[in-house]
Amino acid sequence: MKLLFLSHPVQNLKKSLDFYRDTLGFEEAWREGDHTVSLKLPETEVQLMLEVGEDSLTAGGVFLVESVDEFYDQNKEKLDFIRTPIDIPPGRYTIFQDTSKNIVRLIDFSNESYNN
């Protein structure tokens, strides 16, 4: 498992982007539609992902795994999954909570057409 992003759910993407990019000086790395922007954090490979529409979820890490579906199948009886695996542009995505109800997001890059 490798930390890729710090995910921050936001209410207003424009205001949040203005704050992190223009006030704090983070650089935009990529964007997905009008709901998600990722910013490069200085001196690290980890990025900050701002996402609208996840208001009910808290901020937390997004970790890369080889296969979201395999991780889910191996752990669905042990972990508290709040989102079963779904398709997203780069691959698959799921969310579970730790024992303190912190959100842990998992992603894989299994979509071959996205990665080429």
PDB file of N, CA and C in Angstrom:
ATOM      1  N   MET A   1       0.849  -1.171   0.000  1.00  0.00           N
ATOM      2  CA  MET A   1       0.000   0.000   0.000  1.00  0.00           C
ATOM      3  C   MET A   1       0.896   1.237   0.000  1.00  0.00           C
ATOM      4  N   LYS A   2       0.613   2.157  -0.904  1.00  0.00           N
ATOM      5  CA  LYS A   2       1.427   3.373  -1.028  1.00  0.00           C
ATOM      6  C   LYS A   2       0.514   4.593  -0.992  1.00  0.00           C
ATOM      7  N   LEU A   3       0.852   5.580  -0.174  1.00  0.00           N
ATOM      8  CA  LEU A   3       0.073   6.808  -0.101  1.00  0.00           C
ATOM      9  C   LEU A   3       0.287   7.635  -1.364  1.00  0.00           C
ATOM     10  N   LEU A   4      -0.807   7.923  -2.081  1.00  0.00           N
ATOM     11  CA  LEU A   4      -0.751   8.737  -3.293  1.00  0.00           C
ATOM     12  C   LEU A   4      -1.257  10.153  -3.069  1.00  0.00           C
ATOM     13  N   PHE A   5      -2.401  10.251  -2.382  1.00  0.00           N
ATOM     14  CA  PHE A   5      -3.085  11.534  -2.222  1.00  0.00           C
ATOM     15  C   PHE A   5      -3.528  11.727  -0.785  1.00  0.00           C
ATOM     16  N   LEU A   6      -3.638  12.982  -0.400  1.00  0.00           N
ATOM     17  CA  LEU A   6      -4.422  13.372   0.755  1.00  0.00           C
ATOM     18  C   LEU A   6      -5.712  13.908   0.162  1.00  0.00           C
ATOM     19  N   SER A   7      -6.815  13.334   0.528  1.00  0.00           N
ATOM     20  CA  SER A   7      -8.098  13.726  -0.042  1.00  0.00           C
ATOM     21  C   SER A   7      -8.815  14.684   0.896  1.00  0.00           C
ATOM     22  N   HIS A   8      -9.204  15.839   0.353  1.00  0.00           N
ATOM     23  CA  HIS A   8      -9.959  16.824   1.127  1.00  0.00           C
ATOM     24  C   HIS A   8     -11.285  17.082   0.429  1.00  0.00           C
ATOM     25  N   PRO A   9     -12.379  16.588   0.998  1.00  0.00           N
ATOM     26  CA  PRO A   9     -13.690  16.937   0.457  1.00  0.00           C
ATOM     27  C   PRO A   9     -13.910  18.439   0.632  1.00  0.00           C
ATOM     28  N   VAL A  10     -14.425  19.088  -0.404  1.00  0.00           N
ATOM     29  CA  VAL A  10     -14.645  20.535  -0.344  1.00  0.00           C
ATOM     30  C   VAL A  10     -16.058  20.857  -0.803  1.00  0.00           C
ATOM     31  N   GLN A  11     -16.572  21.996  -0.345  1.00  0.00           N
ATOM     32  CA  GLN A  11     -17.903  22.445  -0.738  1.00  0.00           C
ATOM     33  C   GLN A  11     -17.855  23.272  -2.016  1.00  0.00           C
ATOM     34  N   ASN A  12     -16.779  24.029  -2.189  1.00  0.00           N
ATOM     35  CA  ASN A  12     -16.661  24.911  -3.346  1.00  0.00           C
ATOM     36  C   ASN A  12     -15.258  24.731  -3.932  1.00  0.00           C
ATOM     37  N   LEU A  13     -15.198  24.079  -5.088  1.00  0.00           N
ATOM     38  CA  LEU A  13     -13.900  23.763  -5.675  1.00  0.00           C
ATOM     39  C   LEU A  13     -13.124  25.014  -6.058  1.00  0.00           C
ATOM     40  N   LYS A  14     -13.792  26.006  -6.610  1.00  0.00           N
ATOM     41  CA  LYS A  14     -13.104  27.231  -7.029  1.00  0.00           C
ATOM     42  C   LYS A  14     -12.452  27.933  -5.835  1.00  0.00           C
ATOM     43  N   LYS A  15     -13.221  28.116  -4.751  1.00  0.00           N
ATOM     44  CA  LYS A  15     -12.674  28.770  -3.561  1.00  0.00           C
ATOM     45  C   LYS A  15     -11.515  27.970  -2.965  1.00  0.00           C
ATOM     46  N   SER A  16     -11.677  26.661  -2.923  1.00  0.00           N
ATOM     47  CA  SER A  16     -10.626  25.809  -2.358  1.00  0.00           C
ATOM     48  C   SER A  16      -9.390  25.835  -3.237  1.00  0.00           C
ATOM     49  N   LEU A  17      -9.573  25.799  -4.543  1.00  0.00           N
ATOM     50  CA  LEU A  17      -8.443  25.855  -5.461  1.00  0.00           C
ATOM     51  C   LEU A  17      -7.725  27.197  -5.341  1.00  0.00           C
ATOM     52  N   ASP A  18      -8.494  28.269  -5.250  1.00  0.00           N
ATOM     53  CA  ASP A  18      -7.893  29.596  -5.047  1.00  0.00           C
ATOM     54  C   ASP A  18      -7.032  29.608  -3.782  1.00  0.00           C
ATOM     55  N   PHE A  19      -7.526  28.996  -2.715  1.00  0.00           N
ATOM     56  CA  PHE A  19      -6.793  28.986  -1.457  1.00  0.00           C
ATOM     57  C   PHE A  19      -5.499  28.172  -1.568  1.00  0.00           C
ATOM     58  N   TYR A  20      -5.620  26.917  -1.993  1.00  0.00           N
ATOM     59  CA  TYR A  20      -4.447  26.046  -2.017  1.00  0.00           C
ATOM     60  C   TYR A  20      -3.443  26.423  -3.107  1.00  0.00           C
ATOM     61  N   ARG A  21      -3.939  26.825  -4.264  1.00  0.00           N
ATOM     62  CA  ARG A  21      -3.036  27.166  -5.369  1.00  0.00           C
ATOM     63  C   ARG A  21      -2.510  28.586  -5.231  1.00  0.00           C
ATOM     64  N   ASP A  22      -3.429  29.539  -5.087  1.00  0.00           N
ATOM     65  CA  ASP A  22      -3.044  30.947  -5.136  1.00  0.00           C
ATOM     66  C   ASP A  22      -2.502  31.473  -3.803  1.00  0.00           C
ATOM     67  N   THR A  23      -3.054  31.007  -2.698  1.00  0.00           N
ATOM     68  CA  THR A  23      -2.582  31.473  -1.391  1.00  0.00           C
ATOM     69  C   THR A  23      -1.378  30.665  -0.904  1.00  0.00           C
ATOM     70  N   LEU A  24      -1.466  29.342  -0.994  1.00  0.00           N
ATOM     71  CA  LEU A  24      -0.386  28.496  -0.489  1.00  0.00           C
ATOM     72  C   LEU A  24       0.669  28.153  -1.537  1.00  0.00           C
ATOM     73  N   GLY A  25       0.376  28.382  -2.809  1.00  0.00           N
ATOM     74  CA  GLY A  25       1.362  28.178  -3.860  1.00  0.00           C
ATOM     75  C   GLY A  25       1.490  26.763  -4.388  1.00  0.00           C
ATOM     76  N   PHE A  26       0.502  25.895  -4.108  1.00  0.00           N
ATOM     77  CA  PHE A  26       0.561  24.539  -4.654  1.00  0.00           C
ATOM     78  C   PHE A  26       0.298  24.599  -6.155  1.00  0.00           C
ATOM     79  N   GLU A  27       0.885  23.649  -6.888  1.00  0.00           N
ATOM     80  CA  GLU A  27       0.744  23.593  -8.339  1.00  0.00           C
ATOM     81  C   GLU A  27      -0.304  22.563  -8.739  1.00  0.00           C
ATOM     82  N   GLU A  28      -1.145  22.910  -9.714  1.00  0.00           N
ATOM     83  CA  GLU A  28      -2.148  21.957 -10.188  1.00  0.00           C
ATOM     84  C   GLU A  28      -1.451  20.816 -10.922  1.00  0.00           C
ATOM     85  N   ALA A  29      -1.810  19.579 -10.573  1.00  0.00           N
ATOM     86  CA  ALA A  29      -1.226  18.385 -11.197  1.00  0.00           C
ATOM     87  C   ALA A  29      -2.142  17.833 -12.279  1.00  0.00           C
ATOM     88  N   TRP A  30      -3.431  17.706 -11.966  1.00  0.00           N
ATOM     89  CA  TRP A  30      -4.413  17.227 -12.931  1.00  0.00           C
ATOM     90  C   TRP A  30      -5.809  17.597 -12.450  1.00  0.00           C
ATOM     91  N   ARG A  31      -6.751  17.428 -13.352  1.00  0.00           N
ATOM     92  CA  ARG A  31      -8.140  17.802 -13.069  1.00  0.00           C
ATOM     93  C   ARG A  31      -9.053  16.767 -13.710  1.00  0.00           C
ATOM     94  N   GLU A  32     -10.142  16.451 -13.023  1.00  0.00           N
ATOM     95  CA  GLU A  32     -11.163  15.568 -13.576  1.00  0.00           C
ATOM     96  C   GLU A  32     -12.505  16.290 -13.523  1.00  0.00           C
ATOM     97  N   GLY A  33     -12.922  16.786 -14.679  1.00  0.00           N
ATOM     98  CA  GLY A  33     -14.184  17.502 -14.765  1.00  0.00           C
ATOM     99  C   GLY A  33     -14.207  18.732 -13.879  1.00  0.00           C
ATOM    100  N   ASP A  34     -15.407  19.045 -13.386  1.00  0.00           N
ATOM    101  CA  ASP A  34     -15.599  20.209 -12.523  1.00  0.00           C
ATOM    102  C   ASP A  34     -15.689  19.819 -11.050  1.00  0.00           C
ATOM    103  N   HIS A  35     -15.275  18.581 -10.730  1.00  0.00           N
ATOM    104  CA  HIS A  35     -15.455  18.127  -9.351  1.00  0.00           C
ATOM    105  C   HIS A  35     -14.176  17.701  -8.641  1.00  0.00           C
ATOM    106  N   THR A  36     -13.066  17.506  -9.370  1.00  0.00           N
ATOM    107  CA  THR A  36     -11.848  17.026  -8.721  1.00  0.00           C
ATOM    108  C   THR A  36     -10.619  17.710  -9.307  1.00  0.00           C
ATOM    109  N   VAL A  37      -9.751  18.195  -8.431  1.00  0.00           N
ATOM    110  CA  VAL A  37      -8.467  18.765  -8.825  1.00  0.00           C
ATOM    111  C   VAL A  37      -7.415  18.202  -7.879  1.00  0.00           C
ATOM    112  N   SER A  38      -6.265  17.847  -8.444  1.00  0.00           N
ATOM    113  CA  SER A  38      -5.155  17.380  -7.627  1.00  0.00           C
ATOM    114  C   SER A  38      -4.019  18.392  -7.716  1.00  0.00           C
ATOM    115  N   LEU A  39      -3.401  18.640  -6.572  1.00  0.00           N
ATOM    116  CA  LEU A  39      -2.329  19.627  -6.483  1.00  0.00           C
ATOM    117  C   LEU A  39      -1.040  18.973  -6.013  1.00  0.00           C
ATOM    118  N   LYS A  40       0.077  19.402  -6.587  1.00  0.00           N
ATOM    119  CA  LYS A  40       1.388  18.906  -6.180  1.00  0.00           C
ATOM    120  C   LYS A  40       1.778  19.567  -4.865  1.00  0.00           C
ATOM    121  N   LEU A  41       2.180  18.740  -3.914  1.00  0.00           N
ATOM    122  CA  LEU A  41       2.690  19.252  -2.648  1.00  0.00           C
ATOM    123  C   LEU A  41       4.205  19.393  -2.772  1.00  0.00           C
ATOM    124  N   PRO A  42       4.760  20.496  -2.314  1.00  0.00           N
ATOM    125  CA  PRO A  42       6.204  20.711  -2.440  1.00  0.00           C
ATOM    126  C   PRO A  42       7.027  19.604  -1.781  1.00  0.00           C
ATOM    127  N   GLU A  43       8.080  19.184  -2.449  1.00  0.00           N
ATOM    128  CA  GLU A  43       9.074  18.253  -1.931  1.00  0.00           C
ATOM    129  C   GLU A  43       8.523  16.887  -1.550  1.00  0.00           C
ATOM    130  N   THR A  44       7.480  16.427  -2.247  1.00  0.00           N
ATOM    131  CA  THR A  44       6.924  15.094  -2.005  1.00  0.00           C
ATOM    132  C   THR A  44       6.232  14.599  -3.265  1.00  0.00           C
ATOM    133  N   GLU A  45       6.056  13.288  -3.352  1.00  0.00           N
ATOM    134  CA  GLU A  45       5.301  12.712  -4.460  1.00  0.00           C
ATOM    135  C   GLU A  45       3.804  12.677  -4.149  1.00  0.00           C
ATOM    136  N   VAL A  46       3.449  12.863  -2.887  1.00  0.00           N
ATOM    137  CA  VAL A  46       2.045  12.851  -2.474  1.00  0.00           C
ATOM    138  C   VAL A  46       1.363  14.117  -2.977  1.00  0.00           C
ATOM    139  N   GLN A  47       0.125  13.969  -3.434  1.00  0.00           N
ATOM    140  CA  GLN A  47      -0.636  15.110  -3.929  1.00  0.00           C
ATOM    141  C   GLN A  47      -1.845  15.347  -3.029  1.00  0.00           C
ATOM    142  N   LEU A  48      -2.369  16.564  -3.085  1.00  0.00           N
ATOM    143  CA  LEU A  48      -3.590  16.924  -2.376  1.00  0.00           C
ATOM    144  C   LEU A  48      -4.727  16.903  -3.389  1.00  0.00           C
ATOM    145  N   MET A  49      -5.724  16.067  -3.151  1.00  0.00           N
ATOM    146  CA  MET A  49      -6.864  15.951  -4.052  1.00  0.00           C
ATOM    147  C   MET A  49      -8.066  16.652  -3.428  1.00  0.00           C
ATOM    148  N   LEU A  50      -8.566  17.669  -4.113  1.00  0.00           N
ATOM    149  CA  LEU A  50      -9.764  18.391  -3.679  1.00  0.00           C
ATOM    150  C   LEU A  50     -10.936  17.840  -4.476  1.00  0.00           C
ATOM    151  N   GLU A  51     -12.006  17.472  -3.768  1.00  0.00           N
ATOM    152  CA  GLU A  51     -13.132  16.830  -4.456  1.00  0.00           C
ATOM    153  C   GLU A  51     -14.460  17.315  -3.904  1.00  0.00           C
ATOM    154  N   VAL A  52     -15.312  17.761  -4.799  1.00  0.00           N
ATOM    155  CA  VAL A  52     -16.671  18.173  -4.452  1.00  0.00           C
ATOM    156  C   VAL A  52     -17.555  16.924  -4.460  1.00  0.00           C
ATOM    157  N   GLY A  53     -18.542  16.894  -3.579  1.00  0.00           N
ATOM    158  CA  GLY A  53     -19.507  15.805  -3.604  1.00  0.00           C
ATOM    159  C   GLY A  53     -19.212  14.689  -2.628  1.00  0.00           C
ATOM    160  N   GLU A  54     -18.214  14.846  -1.801  1.00  0.00           N
ATOM    161  CA  GLU A  54     -17.880  13.851  -0.778  1.00  0.00           C
ATOM    162  C   GLU A  54     -18.087  14.470   0.603  1.00  0.00           C
ATOM    163  N   ASP A  55     -19.066  15.373   0.724  1.00  0.00           N
ATOM    164  CA  ASP A  55     -19.280  16.139   1.958  1.00  0.00           C
ATOM    165  C   ASP A  55     -19.482  15.265   3.195  1.00  0.00           C
ATOM    166  N   SER A  56     -20.058  14.086   3.019  1.00  0.00           N
ATOM    167  CA  SER A  56     -20.329  13.239   4.176  1.00  0.00           C
ATOM    168  C   SER A  56     -19.080  12.504   4.658  1.00  0.00           C
ATOM    169  N   LEU A  57     -17.989  12.605   3.886  1.00  0.00           N
ATOM    170  CA  LEU A  57     -16.747  11.923   4.249  1.00  0.00           C
ATOM    171  C   LEU A  57     -15.729  12.921   4.772  1.00  0.00           C
ATOM    172  N   THR A  58     -14.832  12.432   5.619  1.00  0.00           N
ATOM    173  CA  THR A  58     -13.788  13.283   6.168  1.00  0.00           C
ATOM    174  C   THR A  58     -12.542  13.219   5.275  1.00  0.00           C
ATOM    175  N   ALA A  59     -11.612  14.097   5.537  1.00  0.00           N
ATOM    176  CA  ALA A  59     -10.326  14.068   4.843  1.00  0.00           C
ATOM    177  C   ALA A  59      -9.580  12.801   5.246  1.00  0.00           C
ATOM    178  N   GLY A  60      -8.706  12.348   4.355  1.00  0.00           N
ATOM    179  CA  GLY A  60      -7.916  11.159   4.656  1.00  0.00           C
ATOM    180  C   GLY A  60      -7.028  10.786   3.494  1.00  0.00           C
ATOM    181  N   GLY A  61      -6.299   9.717   3.660  1.00  0.00           N
ATOM    182  CA  GLY A  61      -5.374   9.266   2.634  1.00  0.00           C
ATOM    183  C   GLY A  61      -6.048   8.445   1.554  1.00  0.00           C
ATOM    184  N   VAL A  62      -5.457   8.503   0.360  1.00  0.00           N
ATOM    185  CA  VAL A  62      -5.837   7.634  -0.753  1.00  0.00           C
ATOM    186  C   VAL A  62      -4.615   6.783  -1.046  1.00  0.00           C
ATOM    187  N   PHE A  63      -4.767   5.477  -0.884  1.00  0.00           N
ATOM    188  CA  PHE A  63      -3.651   4.552  -1.002  1.00  0.00           C
ATOM    189  C   PHE A  63      -3.764   3.712  -2.260  1.00  0.00           C
ATOM    190  N   LEU A  64      -2.645   3.501  -2.930  1.00  0.00           N
ATOM    191  CA  LEU A  64      -2.583   2.661  -4.112  1.00  0.00           C
ATOM    192  C   LEU A  64      -2.385   1.207  -3.688  1.00  0.00           C
ATOM    193  N   VAL A  65      -3.220   0.335  -4.230  1.00  0.00           N
ATOM    194  CA  VAL A  65      -3.056  -1.108  -4.055  1.00  0.00           C
ATOM    195  C   VAL A  65      -3.019  -1.747  -5.438  1.00  0.00           C
ATOM    196  N   GLU A  66      -2.511  -2.949  -5.511  1.00  0.00           N
ATOM    197  CA  GLU A  66      -2.428  -3.638  -6.799  1.00  0.00           C
ATOM    198  C   GLU A  66      -3.816  -3.887  -7.379  1.00  0.00           C
ATOM    199  N   SER A  67      -4.735  -4.362  -6.540  1.00  0.00           N
ATOM    200  CA  SER A  67      -6.097  -4.641  -6.998  1.00  0.00           C
ATOM    201  C   SER A  67      -7.087  -4.316  -5.885  1.00  0.00           C
ATOM    202  N   VAL A  68      -7.928  -3.340  -6.136  1.00  0.00           N
ATOM    203  CA  VAL A  68      -8.975  -2.980  -5.177  1.00  0.00           C
ATOM    204  C   VAL A  68      -9.903  -4.165  -4.946  1.00  0.00           C
ATOM    205  N   ASP A  69     -10.270  -4.861  -6.026  1.00  0.00           N
ATOM    206  CA  ASP A  69     -11.205  -5.981  -5.890  1.00  0.00           C
ATOM    207  C   ASP A  69     -10.619  -7.113  -5.053  1.00  0.00           C
ATOM    208  N   GLU A  70      -9.344  -7.431  -5.246  1.00  0.00           N
ATOM    209  CA  GLU A  70      -8.707  -8.475  -4.437  1.00  0.00           C
ATOM    210  C   GLU A  70      -8.616  -8.044  -2.979  1.00  0.00           C
ATOM    211  N   PHE A  71      -8.234  -6.782  -2.730  1.00  0.00           N
ATOM    212  CA  PHE A  71      -8.156  -6.282  -1.356  1.00  0.00           C
ATOM    213  C   PHE A  71      -9.533  -6.365  -0.697  1.00  0.00           C
ATOM    214  N   TYR A  72     -10.558  -5.945  -1.420  1.00  0.00           N
ATOM    215  CA  TYR A  72     -11.923  -5.985  -0.894  1.00  0.00           C
ATOM    216  C   TYR A  72     -12.339  -7.426  -0.573  1.00  0.00           C
ATOM    217  N   ASP A  73     -12.117  -8.333  -1.513  1.00  0.00           N
ATOM    218  CA  ASP A  73     -12.503  -9.734  -1.310  1.00  0.00           C
ATOM    219  C   ASP A  73     -11.784 -10.346  -0.108  1.00  0.00           C
ATOM    220  N   GLN A  74     -10.512 -10.013   0.073  1.00  0.00           N
ATOM    221  CA  GLN A  74      -9.720 -10.575   1.173  1.00  0.00           C
ATOM    222  C   GLN A  74     -10.060  -9.952   2.527  1.00  0.00           C
ATOM    223  N   ASN A  75     -10.675  -8.762   2.520  1.00  0.00           N
ATOM    224  CA  ASN A  75     -10.872  -8.038   3.777  1.00  0.00           C
ATOM    225  C   ASN A  75     -12.316  -7.642   4.084  1.00  0.00           C
ATOM    226  N   LYS A  76     -13.264  -8.006   3.240  1.00  0.00           N
ATOM    227  CA  LYS A  76     -14.641  -7.533   3.437  1.00  0.00           C
ATOM    228  C   LYS A  76     -15.283  -8.024   4.731  1.00  0.00           C
ATOM    229  N   GLU A  77     -14.797  -9.118   5.274  1.00  0.00           N
ATOM    230  CA  GLU A  77     -15.327  -9.621   6.540  1.00  0.00           C
ATOM    231  C   GLU A  77     -14.626  -8.999   7.744  1.00  0.00           C
ATOM    232  N   LYS A  78     -13.441  -8.408   7.523  1.00  0.00           N
ATOM    233  CA  LYS A  78     -12.630  -7.870   8.629  1.00  0.00           C
ATOM    234  C   LYS A  78     -12.729  -6.362   8.756  1.00  0.00           C
ATOM    235  N   LEU A  79     -12.986  -5.658   7.648  1.00  0.00           N
ATOM    236  CA  LEU A  79     -12.976  -4.196   7.643  1.00  0.00           C
ATOM    237  C   LEU A  79     -14.376  -3.648   7.428  1.00  0.00           C
ATOM    238  N   ASP A  80     -14.571  -2.409   7.860  1.00  0.00           N
ATOM    239  CA  ASP A  80     -15.864  -1.732   7.741  1.00  0.00           C
ATOM    240  C   ASP A  80     -15.895  -0.914   6.436  1.00  0.00           C
ATOM    241  N   PHE A  81     -16.246  -1.576   5.331  1.00  0.00           N
ATOM    242  CA  PHE A  81     -16.315  -0.890   4.046  1.00  0.00           C
ATOM    243  C   PHE A  81     -17.584  -0.050   3.973  1.00  0.00           C
ATOM    244  N   ILE A  82     -17.423   1.223   3.600  1.00  0.00           N
ATOM    245  CA  ILE A  82     -18.584   2.100   3.443  1.00  0.00           C
ATOM    246  C   ILE A  82     -18.877   2.375   1.975  1.00  0.00           C
ATOM    247  N   ARG A  83     -17.986   1.922   1.094  1.00  0.00           N
ATOM    248  CA  ARG A  83     -18.240   1.984  -0.351  1.00  0.00           C
ATOM    249  C   ARG A  83     -17.626   0.734  -0.964  1.00  0.00           C
ATOM    250  N   THR A  84     -18.464  -0.057  -1.603  1.00  0.00           N
ATOM    251  CA  THR A  84     -17.947  -1.227  -2.298  1.00  0.00           C
ATOM    252  C   THR A  84     -17.183  -0.759  -3.536  1.00  0.00           C
ATOM    253  N   PRO A  85     -16.332  -1.596  -4.102  1.00  0.00           N
ATOM    254  CA  PRO A  85     -15.524  -1.160  -5.252  1.00  0.00           C
ATOM    255  C   PRO A  85     -16.374  -0.641  -6.415  1.00  0.00           C
ATOM    256  N   ILE A  86     -15.910   0.482  -6.971  1.00  0.00           N
ATOM    257  CA  ILE A  86     -16.567   1.095  -8.126  1.00  0.00           C
ATOM    258  C   ILE A  86     -15.510   1.436  -9.172  1.00  0.00           C
ATOM    259  N   ASP A  87     -15.985   1.627 -10.401  1.00  0.00           N
ATOM    260  CA  ASP A  87     -15.098   2.069 -11.477  1.00  0.00           C
ATOM    261  C   ASP A  87     -14.899   3.573 -11.404  1.00  0.00           C
ATOM    262  N   ILE A  88     -13.662   3.996 -11.603  1.00  0.00           N
ATOM    263  CA  ILE A  88     -13.313   5.408 -11.772  1.00  0.00           C
ATOM    264  C   ILE A  88     -12.374   5.460 -12.979  1.00  0.00           C
ATOM    265  N   PRO A  89     -12.121   6.628 -13.551  1.00  0.00           N
ATOM    266  CA  PRO A  89     -11.327   6.647 -14.789  1.00  0.00           C
ATOM    267  C   PRO A  89     -10.019   5.847 -14.755  1.00  0.00           C
ATOM    268  N   PRO A  90      -9.177   5.960 -13.704  1.00  0.00           N
ATOM    269  CA  PRO A  90      -7.919   5.194 -13.785  1.00  0.00           C
ATOM    270  C   PRO A  90      -8.039   3.717 -13.412  1.00  0.00           C
ATOM    271  N   GLY A  91      -9.159   3.309 -12.790  1.00  0.00           N
ATOM    272  CA  GLY A  91      -9.272   1.906 -12.379  1.00  0.00           C
ATOM    273  C   GLY A  91     -10.444   1.651 -11.461  1.00  0.00           C
ATOM    274  N   ARG A  92     -10.141   1.197 -10.230  1.00  0.00           N
ATOM    275  CA  ARG A  92     -11.174   0.857  -9.249  1.00  0.00           C
ATOM    276  C   ARG A  92     -10.906   1.615  -7.950  1.00  0.00           C
ATOM    277  N   TYR A  93     -11.973   1.779  -7.133  1.00  0.00           N
ATOM    278  CA  TYR A  93     -11.919   2.623  -5.945  1.00  0.00           C
ATOM    279  C   TYR A  93     -12.850   2.042  -4.893  1.00  0.00           C
ATOM    280  N   THR A  94     -12.435   2.083  -3.639  1.00  0.00           N
ATOM    281  CA  THR A  94     -13.273   1.657  -2.525  1.00  0.00           C
ATOM    282  C   THR A  94     -12.899   2.465  -1.289  1.00  0.00           C
ATOM    283  N   ILE A  95     -13.759   2.434  -0.277  1.00  0.00           N
ATOM    284  CA  ILE A  95     -13.512   3.172   0.959  1.00  0.00           C
ATOM    285  C   ILE A  95     -13.906   2.293   2.149  1.00  0.00           C
ATOM    286  N   PHE A  96     -13.043   2.304   3.178  1.00  0.00           N
ATOM    287  CA  PHE A  96     -13.410   1.674   4.442  1.00  0.00           C
ATOM    288  C   PHE A  96     -13.051   2.610   5.586  1.00  0.00           C
ATOM    289  N   GLN A  97     -13.532   2.282   6.788  1.00  0.00           N
ATOM    290  CA  GLN A  97     -13.232   3.063   7.985  1.00  0.00           C
ATOM    291  C   GLN A  97     -12.334   2.251   8.896  1.00  0.00           C
ATOM    292  N   ASP A  98     -11.413   2.961   9.569  1.00  0.00           N
ATOM    293  CA  ASP A  98     -10.597   2.270  10.563  1.00  0.00           C
ATOM    294  C   ASP A  98     -11.387   2.180  11.873  1.00  0.00           C
ATOM    295  N   THR A  99     -10.754   1.708  12.927  1.00  0.00           N
ATOM    296  CA  THR A  99     -11.457   1.496  14.200  1.00  0.00           C
ATOM    297  C   THR A  99     -11.887   2.792  14.881  1.00  0.00           C
ATOM    298  N   SER A 100     -11.340   3.934  14.432  1.00  0.00           N
ATOM    299  CA  SER A 100     -11.741   5.235  14.973  1.00  0.00           C
ATOM    300  C   SER A 100     -12.657   5.993  14.014  1.00  0.00           C
ATOM    301  N   LYS A 101     -13.150   5.300  12.982  1.00  0.00           N
ATOM    302  CA  LYS A 101     -14.055   5.868  11.969  1.00  0.00           C
ATOM    303  C   LYS A 101     -13.359   6.835  11.013  1.00  0.00           C
ATOM    304  N   ASN A 102     -12.017   6.790  10.956  1.00  0.00           N
ATOM    305  CA  ASN A 102     -11.293   7.561   9.943  1.00  0.00           C
ATOM    306  C   ASN A 102     -11.463   6.889   8.591  1.00  0.00           C
ATOM    307  N   ILE A 103     -11.548   7.694   7.553  1.00  0.00           N
ATOM    308  CA  ILE A 103     -11.762   7.200   6.202  1.00  0.00           C
ATOM    309  C   ILE A 103     -10.434   6.777   5.581  1.00  0.00           C
ATOM    310  N   VAL A 104     -10.424   5.578   4.974  1.00  0.00           N
ATOM    311  CA  VAL A 104      -9.271   5.082   4.222  1.00  0.00           C
ATOM    312  C   VAL A 104      -9.763   4.762   2.817  1.00  0.00           C
ATOM    313  N   ARG A 105      -9.199   5.455   1.845  1.00  0.00           N
ATOM    314  CA  ARG A 105      -9.588   5.257   0.454  1.00  0.00           C
ATOM    315  C   ARG A 105      -8.521   4.426  -0.255  1.00  0.00           C
ATOM    316  N   LEU A 106      -8.967   3.511  -1.117  1.00  0.00           N
ATOM    317  CA  LEU A 106      -8.048   2.688  -1.900  1.00  0.00           C
ATOM    318  C   LEU A 106      -8.338   2.870  -3.374  1.00  0.00           C
ATOM    319  N   ILE A 107      -7.288   2.852  -4.173  1.00  0.00           N
ATOM    320  CA  ILE A 107      -7.410   3.000  -5.614  1.00  0.00           C
ATOM    321  C   ILE A 107      -6.440   2.030  -6.279  1.00  0.00           C
ATOM    322  N   ASP A 108      -6.820   1.570  -7.475  1.00  0.00           N
ATOM    323  CA  ASP A 108      -5.839   0.865  -8.307  1.00  0.00           C
ATOM    324  C   ASP A 108      -5.875   1.492  -9.693  1.00  0.00           C
ATOM    325  N   PHE A 109      -4.859   1.205 -10.467  1.00  0.00           N
ATOM    326  CA  PHE A 109      -4.750   1.750 -11.819  1.00  0.00           C
ATOM    327  C   PHE A 109      -4.967   0.632 -12.834  1.00  0.00           C
ATOM    328  N   SER A 110      -6.103  -0.059 -12.702  1.00  0.00           N
ATOM    329  CA  SER A 110      -6.369  -1.232 -13.527  1.00  0.00           C
ATOM    330  C   SER A 110      -6.990  -0.920 -14.885  1.00  0.00           C
ATOM    331  N   ASN A 111      -7.387   0.318 -15.137  1.00  0.00           N
ATOM    332  CA  ASN A 111      -7.989   0.662 -16.430  1.00  0.00           C
ATOM    333  C   ASN A 111      -6.864   0.881 -17.446  1.00  0.00           C
ATOM    334  N   GLU A 112      -6.622  -0.135 -18.259  1.00  0.00           N
ATOM    335  CA  GLU A 112      -5.520  -0.101 -19.236  1.00  0.00           C
ATOM    336  C   GLU A 112      -5.641   1.073 -20.209  1.00  0.00           C
ATOM    337  N   SER A 113      -6.851   1.376 -20.647  1.00  0.00           N
ATOM    338  CA  SER A 113      -7.012   2.443 -21.638  1.00  0.00           C
ATOM    339  C   SER A 113      -6.697   3.805 -21.034  1.00  0.00           C
ATOM    340  N   TYR A 114      -6.914   3.971 -19.754  1.00  0.00           N
ATOM    341  CA  TYR A 114      -6.616   5.228 -19.073  1.00  0.00           C
ATOM    342  C   TYR A 114      -5.106   5.410 -18.897  1.00  0.00           C
ATOM    343  N   ASN A 115      -4.416   4.309 -18.671  1.00  0.00           N
ATOM    344  CA  ASN A 115      -2.991   4.356 -18.353  1.00  0.00           C
ATOM    345  C   ASN A 115      -2.085   4.357 -19.583  1.00  0.00           C
ATOM    346  N   ASN A 116      -2.631   4.206 -20.754  1.00  0.00           N
ATOM    347  CA  ASN A 116      -1.800   4.201 -21.967  1.00  0.00           C
ATOM    348  C   ASN A 116      -1.725   5.543 -22.618  1.00  0.00           C
TER     349      ASN A 116
END
